[in-house]
Amino acid sequence: MVDSVKAVVEAWFSSGVRNVGDETIRVGISSCLLGNEVRYDGGHKLDRSLRDTLGAFVQWIRVCPEFEYGLPVPREALRLVGDPALREGFIERLLALSHYPKPRV
């Protein structure tokens, strides 16, 4: 994994492409991949290659919808089941029932 991330970063820099207006590229990423203990089991899934290699070139926007919604850590695992057609709009319906503010996107 580390080699593939390094290859992507090196290819990007060798292409001559740079950030528009010299601003840092912002990338949304699951908060648990950066080491935050927000997973259902109270753990994380730290990916050092993302954090250390690619992280030198981007600004991470950490996101964990379940935690930001206010679900506890640890918690029971969430699983979407049933007809996939019924899942459309699930998040919007869930947020409509919530007293928590809608997440910034």
C-alpha atoms as a PDB file:
ATOM      1  CA  MET A   1       0.000   0.000   0.000  1.00  0.00           C
ATOM      2  CA  VAL A   2       2.787   2.432   0.878  1.00  0.00           C
ATOM      3  CA  ASP A   3       4.468   1.918  -2.498  1.00  0.00           C
ATOM      4  CA  SER A   4       1.237   2.579  -4.394  1.00  0.00           C
ATOM      5  CA  VAL A   5       0.583   5.797  -2.448  1.00  0.00           C
ATOM      6  CA  LYS A   6       4.166   6.955  -3.053  1.00  0.00           C
ATOM      7  CA  ALA A   7       3.782   6.188  -6.756  1.00  0.00           C
ATOM      8  CA  VAL A   8       0.620   8.294  -6.988  1.00  0.00           C
ATOM      9  CA  VAL A   9       2.233  11.216  -5.158  1.00  0.00           C
ATOM     10  CA  GLU A  10       5.371  11.052  -7.293  1.00  0.00           C
ATOM     11  CA  ALA A  11       3.335  10.864 -10.519  1.00  0.00           C
ATOM     12  CA  TRP A  12       1.267  13.854  -9.472  1.00  0.00           C
ATOM     13  CA  PHE A  13       4.323  15.991  -8.708  1.00  0.00           C
ATOM     14  CA  SER A  14       6.189  14.941 -11.852  1.00  0.00           C
ATOM     15  CA  SER A  15       3.161  15.891 -13.983  1.00  0.00           C
ATOM     16  CA  GLY A  16       3.686  19.578 -13.200  1.00  0.00           C
ATOM     17  CA  VAL A  17       0.085  19.950 -11.996  1.00  0.00           C
ATOM     18  CA  ARG A  18      -0.187  22.185  -8.972  1.00  0.00           C
ATOM     19  CA  ASN A  19      -2.963  23.342  -6.701  1.00  0.00           C
ATOM     20  CA  VAL A  20      -5.160  26.096  -8.068  1.00  0.00           C
ATOM     21  CA  GLY A  21      -4.093  29.380  -6.490  1.00  0.00           C
ATOM     22  CA  ASP A  22      -1.398  27.548  -4.516  1.00  0.00           C
ATOM     23  CA  GLU A  23      -4.021  26.371  -2.050  1.00  0.00           C
ATOM     24  CA  THR A  24      -3.601  23.034  -0.339  1.00  0.00           C
ATOM     25  CA  ILE A  25      -5.804  20.287  -1.730  1.00  0.00           C
ATOM     26  CA  ARG A  26      -8.481  19.301   0.775  1.00  0.00           C
ATOM     27  CA  VAL A  27      -9.442  15.630   0.861  1.00  0.00           C
ATOM     28  CA  GLY A  28     -12.316  14.076   2.790  1.00  0.00           C
ATOM     29  CA  ILE A  29     -11.299  10.941   4.646  1.00  0.00           C
ATOM     30  CA  SER A  30     -12.813   8.602   7.194  1.00  0.00           C
ATOM     31  CA  SER A  31     -11.686   9.835  10.581  1.00  0.00           C
ATOM     32  CA  CYS A  32     -10.784   6.311  11.713  1.00  0.00           C
ATOM     33  CA  LEU A  33      -8.198   6.020   8.887  1.00  0.00           C
ATOM     34  CA  LEU A  34      -6.264   8.850  10.532  1.00  0.00           C
ATOM     35  CA  GLY A  35      -6.242   7.099  13.895  1.00  0.00           C
ATOM     36  CA  ASN A  36      -9.310   8.573  15.578  1.00  0.00           C
ATOM     37  CA  GLU A  37     -10.976   5.981  17.801  1.00  0.00           C
ATOM     38  CA  VAL A  38     -14.499   6.502  16.501  1.00  0.00           C
ATOM     39  CA  ARG A  39     -15.331   3.081  15.067  1.00  0.00           C
ATOM     40  CA  TYR A  40     -18.264   1.092  16.397  1.00  0.00           C
ATOM     41  CA  ASP A  41     -15.875  -1.062  18.438  1.00  0.00           C
ATOM     42  CA  GLY A  42     -14.038   1.932  19.907  1.00  0.00           C
ATOM     43  CA  GLY A  43     -11.028   1.355  17.701  1.00  0.00           C
ATOM     44  CA  HIS A  44      -9.510   2.908  14.613  1.00  0.00           C
ATOM     45  CA  LYS A  45      -8.098   1.759  11.278  1.00  0.00           C
ATOM     46  CA  LEU A  46      -5.033   3.989  11.109  1.00  0.00           C
ATOM     47  CA  ASP A  47      -3.440   3.883   7.680  1.00  0.00           C
ATOM     48  CA  ARG A  48       0.068   5.245   8.146  1.00  0.00           C
ATOM     49  CA  SER A  49       0.748   5.361   4.412  1.00  0.00           C
ATOM     50  CA  LEU A  50      -2.171   7.716   3.891  1.00  0.00           C
ATOM     51  CA  ARG A  51      -1.431   9.791   6.960  1.00  0.00           C
ATOM     52  CA  ASP A  52       2.327  10.078   6.540  1.00  0.00           C
ATOM     53  CA  THR A  53       2.890   9.904   2.782  1.00  0.00           C
ATOM     54  CA  LEU A  54      -0.115  11.536   1.164  1.00  0.00           C
ATOM     55  CA  GLY A  55      -0.778  13.654   4.242  1.00  0.00           C
ATOM     56  CA  ALA A  56       2.329  15.687   3.530  1.00  0.00           C
ATOM     57  CA  PHE A  57       0.628  17.080   0.420  1.00  0.00           C
ATOM     58  CA  VAL A  58      -3.037  17.487   1.371  1.00  0.00           C
ATOM     59  CA  GLN A  59      -5.213  18.882   4.122  1.00  0.00           C
ATOM     60  CA  TRP A  60      -7.380  16.133   5.566  1.00  0.00           C
ATOM     61  CA  ILE A  61     -11.062  16.816   6.209  1.00  0.00           C
ATOM     62  CA  ARG A  62     -11.885  14.185   8.830  1.00  0.00           C
ATOM     63  CA  VAL A  63     -15.384  12.727   8.590  1.00  0.00           C
ATOM     64  CA  CYS A  64     -17.228  10.145  10.651  1.00  0.00           C
ATOM     65  CA  PRO A  65     -20.969  10.444   9.976  1.00  0.00           C
ATOM     66  CA  GLU A  66     -21.987   8.096  12.788  1.00  0.00           C
ATOM     67  CA  PHE A  67     -19.913   9.926  15.401  1.00  0.00           C
ATOM     68  CA  GLU A  68     -20.878  13.370  14.097  1.00  0.00           C
ATOM     69  CA  TYR A  69     -24.525  12.335  14.211  1.00  0.00           C
ATOM     70  CA  GLY A  70     -24.068  11.686  17.906  1.00  0.00           C
ATOM     71  CA  LEU A  71     -23.912   7.909  18.072  1.00  0.00           C
ATOM     72  CA  PRO A  72     -21.838   6.647  20.998  1.00  0.00           C
ATOM     73  CA  VAL A  73     -18.434   4.984  20.843  1.00  0.00           C
ATOM     74  CA  PRO A  74     -18.432   2.046  21.246  1.00  0.00           C
ATOM     75  CA  ARG A  75     -21.802   1.157  19.699  1.00  0.00           C
ATOM     76  CA  GLU A  76     -23.470  -1.720  17.928  1.00  0.00           C
ATOM     77  CA  ALA A  77     -22.347  -2.122  14.329  1.00  0.00           C
ATOM     78  CA  LEU A  78     -24.690  -0.562  11.763  1.00  0.00           C
ATOM     79  CA  ARG A  79     -25.699  -2.653   8.793  1.00  0.00           C
ATOM     80  CA  LEU A  80     -27.889  -1.581   5.900  1.00  0.00           C
ATOM     81  CA  VAL A  81     -30.175  -4.457   5.024  1.00  0.00           C
ATOM     82  CA  GLY A  82     -33.172  -4.975   2.807  1.00  0.00           C
ATOM     83  CA  ASP A  83     -34.118  -3.577  -0.561  1.00  0.00           C
ATOM     84  CA  PRO A  84     -31.384  -1.218  -1.857  1.00  0.00           C
ATOM     85  CA  ALA A  85     -34.085   0.933  -3.488  1.00  0.00           C
ATOM     86  CA  LEU A  86     -35.424   1.754  -0.032  1.00  0.00           C
ATOM     87  CA  ARG A  87     -31.990   3.014   1.057  1.00  0.00           C
ATOM     88  CA  GLU A  88     -32.208   6.049  -1.220  1.00  0.00           C
ATOM     89  CA  GLY A  89     -32.649   9.108   0.942  1.00  0.00           C
ATOM     90  CA  PHE A  90     -31.914   7.113   4.117  1.00  0.00           C
ATOM     91  CA  ILE A  91     -29.450   9.647   5.498  1.00  0.00           C
ATOM     92  CA  GLU A  92     -31.795  12.547   4.772  1.00  0.00           C
ATOM     93  CA  ARG A  93     -34.664  10.777   6.551  1.00  0.00           C
ATOM     94  CA  LEU A  94     -32.414   9.930   9.482  1.00  0.00           C
ATOM     95  CA  LEU A  95     -31.226  13.530   9.795  1.00  0.00           C
ATOM     96  CA  ALA A  96     -34.812  14.797   9.630  1.00  0.00           C
ATOM     97  CA  LEU A  97     -35.543  12.769  12.775  1.00  0.00           C
ATOM     98  CA  SER A  98     -32.429  13.981  14.546  1.00  0.00           C
ATOM     99  CA  HIS A  99     -32.104  16.910  16.901  1.00  0.00           C
ATOM    100  CA  TYR A 100     -28.426  17.194  15.948  1.00  0.00           C
ATOM    101  CA  PRO A 101     -27.350  19.869  13.447  1.00  0.00           C
ATOM    102  CA  LYS A 102     -26.833  18.699   9.903  1.00  0.00           C
ATOM    103  CA  PRO A 103     -23.169  17.924   9.159  1.00  0.00           C
ATOM    104  CA  ARG A 104     -21.140  20.414   7.132  1.00  0.00           C
ATOM    105  CA  VAL A 105     -20.229  19.043   3.748  1.00  0.00           C
END
